Amino acid sequence: MQKTSPFLRALLIASLLLTLSGCVAAIGNQPPSASSATLGQQLIDLKKAKDEGVITEAEYARKRAQFIERK
């Protein structure tokens, strides 16, 4: 497995979490749109991040539990 720099890893984690949480920049007074990703797609993306070494097993388990609790 290829090692990544701490900065790159932090950037990848931040990007993943923003994507998975459905954060969207609001324009004017419009409310941010909700994430259209299904629970299944969120879990697939999360597992991919774990498999690629972007997040740890503990981070994976914690975020997976959060996704499942919300549904």
PDB file of N, CA and C in Angstrom:
ATOM      1  N   MET A   1       0.844  -1.174   0.000  1.00  0.00           N
ATOM      2  CA  MET A   1       0.000   0.000   0.000  1.00  0.00           C
ATOM      3  C   MET A   1       0.893   1.243   0.000  1.00  0.00           C
ATOM      4  N   GLN A   2       0.543   2.206  -0.798  1.00  0.00           N
ATOM      5  CA  GLN A   2       1.317   3.429  -0.920  1.00  0.00           C
ATOM      6  C   GLN A   2       1.035   4.344   0.264  1.00  0.00           C
ATOM      7  N   LYS A   3       2.093   4.939   0.832  1.00  0.00           N
ATOM      8  CA  LYS A   3       1.922   5.858   1.956  1.00  0.00           C
ATOM      9  C   LYS A   3       1.602   7.241   1.425  1.00  0.00           C
ATOM     10  N   THR A   4       0.759   7.964   2.163  1.00  0.00           N
ATOM     11  CA  THR A   4       0.418   9.322   1.786  1.00  0.00           C
ATOM     12  C   THR A   4       0.929  10.270   2.854  1.00  0.00           C
ATOM     13  N   SER A   5       1.190  11.500   2.457  1.00  0.00           N
ATOM     14  CA  SER A   5       1.658  12.496   3.411  1.00  0.00           C
ATOM     15  C   SER A   5       0.531  12.848   4.369  1.00  0.00           C
ATOM     16  N   PRO A   6       0.862  13.292   5.586  1.00  0.00           N
ATOM     17  CA  PRO A   6      -0.185  13.663   6.549  1.00  0.00           C
ATOM     18  C   PRO A   6      -1.103  14.762   6.005  1.00  0.00           C
ATOM     19  N   PHE A   7      -0.553  15.716   5.275  1.00  0.00           N
ATOM     20  CA  PHE A   7      -1.371  16.790   4.700  1.00  0.00           C
ATOM     21  C   PHE A   7      -2.348  16.236   3.682  1.00  0.00           C
ATOM     22  N   LEU A   8      -1.878  15.382   2.785  1.00  0.00           N
ATOM     23  CA  LEU A   8      -2.740  14.801   1.760  1.00  0.00           C
ATOM     24  C   LEU A   8      -3.821  13.933   2.404  1.00  0.00           C
ATOM     25  N   ARG A   9      -3.450  13.178   3.420  1.00  0.00           N
ATOM     26  CA  ARG A   9      -4.430  12.340   4.109  1.00  0.00           C
ATOM     27  C   ARG A   9      -5.515  13.202   4.755  1.00  0.00           C
ATOM     28  N   ALA A  10      -5.115  14.287   5.423  1.00  0.00           N
ATOM     29  CA  ALA A  10      -6.082  15.186   6.057  1.00  0.00           C
ATOM     30  C   ALA A  10      -6.986  15.818   5.009  1.00  0.00           C
ATOM     31  N   LEU A  11      -6.426  16.199   3.883  1.00  0.00           N
ATOM     32  CA  LEU A  11      -7.211  16.790   2.802  1.00  0.00           C
ATOM     33  C   LEU A  11      -8.214  15.790   2.240  1.00  0.00           C
ATOM     34  N   LEU A  12      -7.803  14.568   2.059  1.00  0.00           N
ATOM     35  CA  LEU A  12      -8.697  13.531   1.546  1.00  0.00           C
ATOM     36  C   LEU A  12      -9.817  13.223   2.539  1.00  0.00           C
ATOM     37  N   ILE A  13      -9.478  13.163   3.821  1.00  0.00           N
ATOM     38  CA  ILE A  13     -10.500  12.903   4.843  1.00  0.00           C
ATOM     39  C   ILE A  13     -11.505  14.038   4.878  1.00  0.00           C
ATOM     40  N   ALA A  14     -10.999  15.279   4.847  1.00  0.00           N
ATOM     41  CA  ALA A  14     -11.897  16.438   4.871  1.00  0.00           C
ATOM     42  C   ALA A  14     -12.819  16.418   3.655  1.00  0.00           C
ATOM     43  N   SER A  15     -12.277  16.120   2.489  1.00  0.00           N
ATOM     44  CA  SER A  15     -13.088  16.063   1.270  1.00  0.00           C
ATOM     45  C   SER A  15     -14.145  14.972   1.373  1.00  0.00           C
ATOM     46  N   LEU A  16     -13.753  13.823   1.876  1.00  0.00           N
ATOM     47  CA  LEU A  16     -14.701  12.716   2.026  1.00  0.00           C
ATOM     48  C   LEU A  16     -15.823  13.083   2.985  1.00  0.00           C
ATOM     49  N   LEU A  17     -15.463  13.639   4.124  1.00  0.00           N
ATOM     50  CA  LEU A  17     -16.484  13.974   5.121  1.00  0.00           C
ATOM     51  C   LEU A  17     -17.432  15.052   4.618  1.00  0.00           C
ATOM     52  N   LEU A  18     -16.897  16.039   3.887  1.00  0.00           N
ATOM     53  CA  LEU A  18     -17.767  17.069   3.325  1.00  0.00           C
ATOM     54  C   LEU A  18     -18.715  16.478   2.292  1.00  0.00           C
ATOM     55  N   THR A  19     -18.196  15.581   1.479  1.00  0.00           N
ATOM     56  CA  THR A  19     -19.032  14.940   0.471  1.00  0.00           C
ATOM     57  C   THR A  19     -20.113  14.077   1.118  1.00  0.00           C
ATOM     58  N   LEU A  20     -19.720  13.287   2.105  1.00  0.00           N
ATOM     59  CA  LEU A  20     -20.666  12.384   2.736  1.00  0.00           C
ATOM     60  C   LEU A  20     -21.702  13.101   3.592  1.00  0.00           C
ATOM     61  N   SER A  21     -21.326  14.254   4.135  1.00  0.00           N
ATOM     62  CA  SER A  21     -22.272  14.963   4.994  1.00  0.00           C
ATOM     63  C   SER A  21     -23.236  15.827   4.196  1.00  0.00           C
ATOM     64  N   GLY A  22     -23.006  15.971   2.899  1.00  0.00           N
ATOM     65  CA  GLY A  22     -23.910  16.741   2.059  1.00  0.00           C
ATOM     66  C   GLY A  22     -23.756  18.240   2.217  1.00  0.00           C
ATOM     67  N   CYS A  23     -22.600  18.693   2.680  1.00  0.00           N
ATOM     68  CA  CYS A  23     -22.373  20.131   2.834  1.00  0.00           C
ATOM     69  C   CYS A  23     -22.365  20.782   1.460  1.00  0.00           C
ATOM     70  N   VAL A  24     -23.119  21.855   1.369  1.00  0.00           N
ATOM     71  CA  VAL A  24     -23.215  22.577   0.111  1.00  0.00           C
ATOM     72  C   VAL A  24     -23.135  24.062   0.425  1.00  0.00           C
ATOM     73  N   ALA A  25     -22.433  24.802  -0.395  1.00  0.00           N
ATOM     74  CA  ALA A  25     -22.360  26.248  -0.190  1.00  0.00           C
ATOM     75  C   ALA A  25     -23.684  26.867  -0.618  1.00  0.00           C
ATOM     76  N   ALA A  26     -24.270  27.644   0.271  1.00  0.00           N
ATOM     77  CA  ALA A  26     -25.547  28.307  -0.024  1.00  0.00           C
ATOM     78  C   ALA A  26     -25.276  29.614  -0.749  1.00  0.00           C
ATOM     79  N   ILE A  27     -26.139  29.914  -1.700  1.00  0.00           N
ATOM     80  CA  ILE A  27     -26.025  31.158  -2.450  1.00  0.00           C
ATOM     81  C   ILE A  27     -27.188  32.040  -2.031  1.00  0.00           C
ATOM     82  N   GLY A  28     -26.884  33.253  -1.564  1.00  0.00           N
ATOM     83  CA  GLY A  28     -27.939  34.155  -1.120  1.00  0.00           C
ATOM     84  C   GLY A  28     -28.651  33.590   0.087  1.00  0.00           C
ATOM     85  N   ASN A  29     -29.976  33.634   0.058  1.00  0.00           N
ATOM     86  CA  ASN A  29     -30.769  33.139   1.174  1.00  0.00           C
ATOM     87  C   ASN A  29     -31.348  31.755   0.930  1.00  0.00           C
ATOM     88  N   GLN A  30     -30.892  31.086  -0.109  1.00  0.00           N
ATOM     89  CA  GLN A  30     -31.406  29.755  -0.411  1.00  0.00           C
ATOM     90  C   GLN A  30     -30.863  28.752   0.600  1.00  0.00           C
ATOM     91  N   PRO A  31     -31.703  27.851   1.106  1.00  0.00           N
ATOM     92  CA  PRO A  31     -31.199  26.825   2.025  1.00  0.00           C
ATOM     93  C   PRO A  31     -30.328  25.827   1.261  1.00  0.00           C
ATOM     94  N   PRO A  32     -29.325  25.244   1.925  1.00  0.00           N
ATOM     95  CA  PRO A  32     -28.504  24.247   1.243  1.00  0.00           C
ATOM     96  C   PRO A  32     -29.340  23.033   0.868  1.00  0.00           C
ATOM     97  N   SER A  33     -29.046  22.461  -0.286  1.00  0.00           N
ATOM     98  CA  SER A  33     -29.801  21.285  -0.718  1.00  0.00           C
ATOM     99  C   SER A  33     -29.344  20.061   0.066  1.00  0.00           C
ATOM    100  N   ALA A  34     -30.260  19.140   0.284  1.00  0.00           N
ATOM    101  CA  ALA A  34     -29.955  17.921   1.029  1.00  0.00           C
ATOM    102  C   ALA A  34     -29.150  16.969   0.142  1.00  0.00           C
ATOM    103  N   SER A  35     -28.373  16.131   0.768  1.00  0.00           N
ATOM    104  CA  SER A  35     -27.591  15.143   0.044  1.00  0.00           C
ATOM    105  C   SER A  35     -28.529  14.137  -0.610  1.00  0.00           C
ATOM    106  N   SER A  36     -28.276  13.840  -1.868  1.00  0.00           N
ATOM    107  CA  SER A  36     -29.124  12.886  -2.576  1.00  0.00           C
ATOM    108  C   SER A  36     -28.522  11.484  -2.560  1.00  0.00           C
ATOM    109  N   ALA A  37     -27.357  11.332  -1.910  1.00  0.00           N
ATOM    110  CA  ALA A  37     -26.726  10.024  -1.846  1.00  0.00           C
ATOM    111  C   ALA A  37     -27.540   9.091  -0.943  1.00  0.00           C
ATOM    112  N   THR A  38     -27.739   7.887  -1.402  1.00  0.00           N
ATOM    113  CA  THR A  38     -28.467   6.905  -0.615  1.00  0.00           C
ATOM    114  C   THR A  38     -27.555   6.364   0.488  1.00  0.00           C
ATOM    115  N   LEU A  39     -28.149   5.716   1.467  1.00  0.00           N
ATOM    116  CA  LEU A  39     -27.362   5.104   2.533  1.00  0.00           C
ATOM    117  C   LEU A  39     -26.391   4.088   1.931  1.00  0.00           C
ATOM    118  N   GLY A  40     -26.867   3.318   0.985  1.00  0.00           N
ATOM    119  CA  GLY A  40     -26.001   2.321   0.349  1.00  0.00           C
ATOM    120  C   GLY A  40     -24.788   2.956  -0.314  1.00  0.00           C
ATOM    121  N   GLN A  41     -24.993   4.060  -1.032  1.00  0.00           N
ATOM    122  CA  GLN A  41     -23.880   4.727  -1.706  1.00  0.00           C
ATOM    123  C   GLN A  41     -22.922   5.334  -0.690  1.00  0.00           C
ATOM    124  N   GLN A  42     -23.456   5.893   0.402  1.00  0.00           N
ATOM    125  CA  GLN A  42     -22.597   6.453   1.444  1.00  0.00           C
ATOM    126  C   GLN A  42     -21.719   5.359   2.055  1.00  0.00           C
ATOM    127  N   LEU A  43     -22.302   4.183   2.288  1.00  0.00           N
ATOM    128  CA  LEU A  43     -21.536   3.081   2.865  1.00  0.00           C
ATOM    129  C   LEU A  43     -20.477   2.569   1.889  1.00  0.00           C
ATOM    130  N   ILE A  44     -20.821   2.529   0.607  1.00  0.00           N
ATOM    131  CA  ILE A  44     -19.844   2.105  -0.409  1.00  0.00           C
ATOM    132  C   ILE A  44     -18.676   3.084  -0.455  1.00  0.00           C
ATOM    133  N   ASP A  45     -18.978   4.388  -0.467  1.00  0.00           N
ATOM    134  CA  ASP A  45     -17.925   5.406  -0.492  1.00  0.00           C
ATOM    135  C   ASP A  45     -17.047   5.334   0.755  1.00  0.00           C
ATOM    136  N   LEU A  46     -17.685   5.108   1.894  1.00  0.00           N
ATOM    137  CA  LEU A  46     -16.954   5.028   3.156  1.00  0.00           C
ATOM    138  C   LEU A  46     -16.013   3.823   3.158  1.00  0.00           C
ATOM    139  N   LYS A  47     -16.504   2.666   2.687  1.00  0.00           N
ATOM    140  CA  LYS A  47     -15.663   1.468   2.638  1.00  0.00           C
ATOM    141  C   LYS A  47     -14.501   1.658   1.679  1.00  0.00           C
ATOM    142  N   LYS A  48     -14.755   2.323   0.567  1.00  0.00           N
ATOM    143  CA  LYS A  48     -13.684   2.596  -0.399  1.00  0.00           C
ATOM    144  C   LYS A  48     -12.590   3.448   0.247  1.00  0.00           C
ATOM    145  N   ALA A  49     -12.991   4.455   1.016  1.00  0.00           N
ATOM    146  CA  ALA A  49     -12.011   5.306   1.700  1.00  0.00           C
ATOM    147  C   ALA A  49     -11.183   4.486   2.691  1.00  0.00           C
ATOM    148  N   LYS A  50     -11.835   3.561   3.398  1.00  0.00           N
ATOM    149  CA  LYS A  50     -11.110   2.700   4.342  1.00  0.00           C
ATOM    150  C   LYS A  50     -10.156   1.770   3.596  1.00  0.00           C
ATOM    151  N   ASP A  51     -10.644   1.155   2.530  1.00  0.00           N
ATOM    152  CA  ASP A  51      -9.824   0.220   1.758  1.00  0.00           C
ATOM    153  C   ASP A  51      -8.614   0.895   1.120  1.00  0.00           C
ATOM    154  N   GLU A  52      -8.758   2.178   0.776  1.00  0.00           N
ATOM    155  CA  GLU A  52      -7.655   2.918   0.166  1.00  0.00           C
ATOM    156  C   GLU A  52      -6.724   3.533   1.210  1.00  0.00           C
ATOM    157  N   GLY A  53      -7.042   3.347   2.484  1.00  0.00           N
ATOM    158  CA  GLY A  53      -6.181   3.846   3.543  1.00  0.00           C
ATOM    159  C   GLY A  53      -6.368   5.314   3.878  1.00  0.00           C
ATOM    160  N   VAL A  54      -7.446   5.902   3.377  1.00  0.00           N
ATOM    161  CA  VAL A  54      -7.703   7.319   3.642  1.00  0.00           C
ATOM    162  C   VAL A  54      -8.197   7.512   5.072  1.00  0.00           C
ATOM    163  N   ILE A  55      -8.966   6.555   5.569  1.00  0.00           N
ATOM    164  CA  ILE A  55      -9.444   6.598   6.952  1.00  0.00           C
ATOM    165  C   ILE A  55      -9.081   5.288   7.639  1.00  0.00           C
ATOM    166  N   THR A  56      -9.013   5.324   8.964  1.00  0.00           N
ATOM    167  CA  THR A  56      -8.667   4.128   9.733  1.00  0.00           C
ATOM    168  C   THR A  56      -9.899   3.250   9.929  1.00  0.00           C
ATOM    169  N   GLU A  57      -9.657   2.049  10.435  1.00  0.00           N
ATOM    170  CA  GLU A  57     -10.751   1.125  10.737  1.00  0.00           C
ATOM    171  C   GLU A  57     -11.684   1.736  11.786  1.00  0.00           C
ATOM    172  N   ALA A  58     -11.111   2.420  12.779  1.00  0.00           N
ATOM    173  CA  ALA A  58     -11.926   3.044  13.833  1.00  0.00           C
ATOM    174  C   ALA A  58     -12.779   4.174  13.264  1.00  0.00           C
ATOM    175  N   GLU A  59     -12.196   4.987  12.393  1.00  0.00           N
ATOM    176  CA  GLU A  59     -12.958   6.076  11.763  1.00  0.00           C
ATOM    177  C   GLU A  59     -14.090   5.504  10.909  1.00  0.00           C
ATOM    178  N   TYR A  60     -13.783   4.425  10.202  1.00  0.00           N
ATOM    179  CA  TYR A  60     -14.781   3.754   9.368  1.00  0.00           C
ATOM    180  C   TYR A  60     -15.950   3.263  10.221  1.00  0.00           C
ATOM    181  N   ALA A  61     -15.637   2.572  11.303  1.00  0.00           N
ATOM    182  CA  ALA A  61     -16.684   2.000  12.158  1.00  0.00           C
ATOM    183  C   ALA A  61     -17.548   3.105  12.773  1.00  0.00           C
ATOM    184  N   ARG A  62     -16.916   4.187  13.223  1.00  0.00           N
ATOM    185  CA  ARG A  62     -17.651   5.291  13.843  1.00  0.00           C
ATOM    186  C   ARG A  62     -18.590   5.957  12.836  1.00  0.00           C
ATOM    187  N   LYS A  63     -18.090   6.266  11.655  1.00  0.00           N
ATOM    188  CA  LYS A  63     -18.899   6.945  10.638  1.00  0.00           C
ATOM    189  C   LYS A  63     -20.005   6.017  10.123  1.00  0.00           C
ATOM    190  N   ARG A  64     -19.707   4.735   9.972  1.00  0.00           N
ATOM    191  CA  ARG A  64     -20.716   3.757   9.514  1.00  0.00           C
ATOM    192  C   ARG A  64     -21.876   3.704  10.503  1.00  0.00           C
ATOM    193  N   ALA A  65     -21.550   3.658  11.784  1.00  0.00           N
ATOM    194  CA  ALA A  65     -22.592   3.628  12.817  1.00  0.00           C
ATOM    195  C   ALA A  65     -23.440   4.896  12.766  1.00  0.00           C
ATOM    196  N   GLN A  66     -22.811   6.046  12.521  1.00  0.00           N
ATOM    197  CA  GLN A  66     -23.553   7.311  12.416  1.00  0.00           C
ATOM    198  C   GLN A  66     -24.527   7.274  11.249  1.00  0.00           C
ATOM    199  N   PHE A  67     -24.079   6.769  10.104  1.00  0.00           N
ATOM    200  CA  PHE A  67     -24.945   6.692   8.924  1.00  0.00           C
ATOM    201  C   PHE A  67     -26.149   5.806   9.202  1.00  0.00           C
ATOM    202  N   ILE A  68     -25.906   4.670   9.804  1.00  0.00           N
ATOM    203  CA  ILE A  68     -26.985   3.714  10.051  1.00  0.00           C
ATOM    204  C   ILE A  68     -27.968   4.255  11.085  1.00  0.00           C
ATOM    205  N   GLU A  69     -27.469   4.960  12.122  1.00  0.00           N
ATOM    206  CA  GLU A  69     -28.346   5.548  13.133  1.00  0.00           C
ATOM    207  C   GLU A  69     -29.305   6.570  12.527  1.00  0.00           C
ATOM    208  N   ARG A  70     -28.836   7.339  11.552  1.00  0.00           N
ATOM    209  CA  ARG A  70     -29.644   8.402  10.942  1.00  0.00           C
ATOM    210  C   ARG A  70     -30.799   7.843  10.121  1.00  0.00           C
ATOM    211  N   LYS A  71     -30.670   6.655   9.600  1.00  0.00           N
ATOM    212  CA  LYS A  71     -31.712   6.095   8.712  1.00  0.00           C
ATOM    213  C   LYS A  71     -32.777   5.393   9.455  1.00  0.00           C
TER     214      LYS A  71
END
